[in-house]
């Protein structure tokens, strides 16, 4: 099944633990990406090079909207 949270809601209205786990993972990944994007402008060129990024790549990543992970 591609989307395991599709079958999350039961008849009694409770949410499966799988759904909560998936949402928690999604939230943590989003927070980590956001934190990284906020730190990018302040990183030294050597650090960016370690990540395989140029200064222009870092600028582009910082300007990207949150829904385009």
Protein backbone atom coordinates (compact mmCIF):
# COMPACT_ATOMS: atom_id res chain seq x y z
CA UNK A 1 0.00 0.00 0.00
CA UNK A 2 1.50 3.33 -1.03
CA UNK A 3 -0.31 5.53 1.47
CA UNK A 4 -0.68 3.67 4.77
CA UNK A 5 -2.50 6.57 6.45
CA UNK A 6 -5.46 6.25 4.04
CA UNK A 7 -6.93 3.51 6.21
CA UNK A 8 -6.12 5.37 9.42
CA UNK A 9 -9.59 6.34 10.64
CA UNK A 10 -11.55 3.56 12.31
CA UNK A 11 -15.30 3.47 12.69
CA UNK A 12 -15.14 4.63 16.31
CA UNK A 13 -13.18 7.77 15.35
CA UNK A 14 -9.82 6.79 16.83
CA UNK A 15 -6.65 7.25 14.86
CA UNK A 16 -4.24 4.37 14.36
CA UNK A 17 -0.81 4.62 15.91
CA UNK A 18 0.69 4.17 12.43
CA UNK A 19 -0.84 7.46 11.33
CA UNK A 20 0.50 9.29 14.35
CA UNK A 21 3.94 7.81 13.73
CA UNK A 22 3.89 8.83 10.07
CA UNK A 23 2.83 12.37 10.94
CA UNK A 24 5.48 12.60 13.63
CA UNK A 25 8.19 11.48 11.17
CA UNK A 26 6.92 13.95 8.57
CA UNK A 27 6.95 16.75 11.12
CA UNK A 28 10.50 15.95 12.28
CA UNK A 29 11.79 15.82 8.70
CA UNK A 30 10.16 19.17 7.90
CA UNK A 31 11.69 20.75 11.01
CA UNK A 32 15.13 19.41 10.14
CA UNK A 33 14.91 20.69 6.53
CA UNK A 34 13.72 24.08 7.77
CA UNK A 35 16.52 24.31 10.32
CA UNK A 36 19.09 23.39 7.68
CA UNK A 37 17.68 25.96 5.24
CA UNK A 38 17.88 28.71 7.88
CA UNK A 39 21.52 27.86 8.61
CA UNK A 40 22.62 27.73 4.97
CA UNK A 41 23.22 31.47 4.47
CA UNK A 42 25.60 31.57 7.44
CA UNK A 43 27.67 28.53 6.50
CA UNK A 44 31.22 28.96 5.26
CA UNK A 45 31.99 28.02 1.69
CA UNK A 46 34.07 25.08 2.92
CA UNK A 47 31.10 23.66 4.81
CA UNK A 48 28.83 24.11 1.80
CA UNK A 49 31.43 22.31 -0.29
CA UNK A 50 31.29 19.39 2.18
CA UNK A 51 27.56 19.16 1.46
CA UNK A 52 28.23 19.40 -2.27
CA UNK A 53 26.63 22.84 -2.60
CA UNK A 54 27.77 26.11 -4.06
CA UNK A 55 26.86 29.49 -2.59
CA UNK A 56 24.27 29.92 -5.37
CA UNK A 57 22.75 26.49 -4.61
CA UNK A 58 22.46 27.52 -0.96
CA UNK A 59 20.67 30.75 -1.89
CA UNK A 60 18.27 28.86 -4.13
CA UNK A 61 17.49 26.32 -1.40
CA UNK A 62 16.82 29.09 1.13
CA UNK A 63 14.32 30.79 -1.15
CA UNK A 64 12.40 27.60 -1.88
CA UNK A 65 8.85 27.44 -0.45
CA UNK A 66 8.27 24.96 2.38
CA UNK A 67 5.94 22.77 0.32
CA UNK A 68 8.75 22.05 -2.14
CA UNK A 69 10.86 19.83 0.04
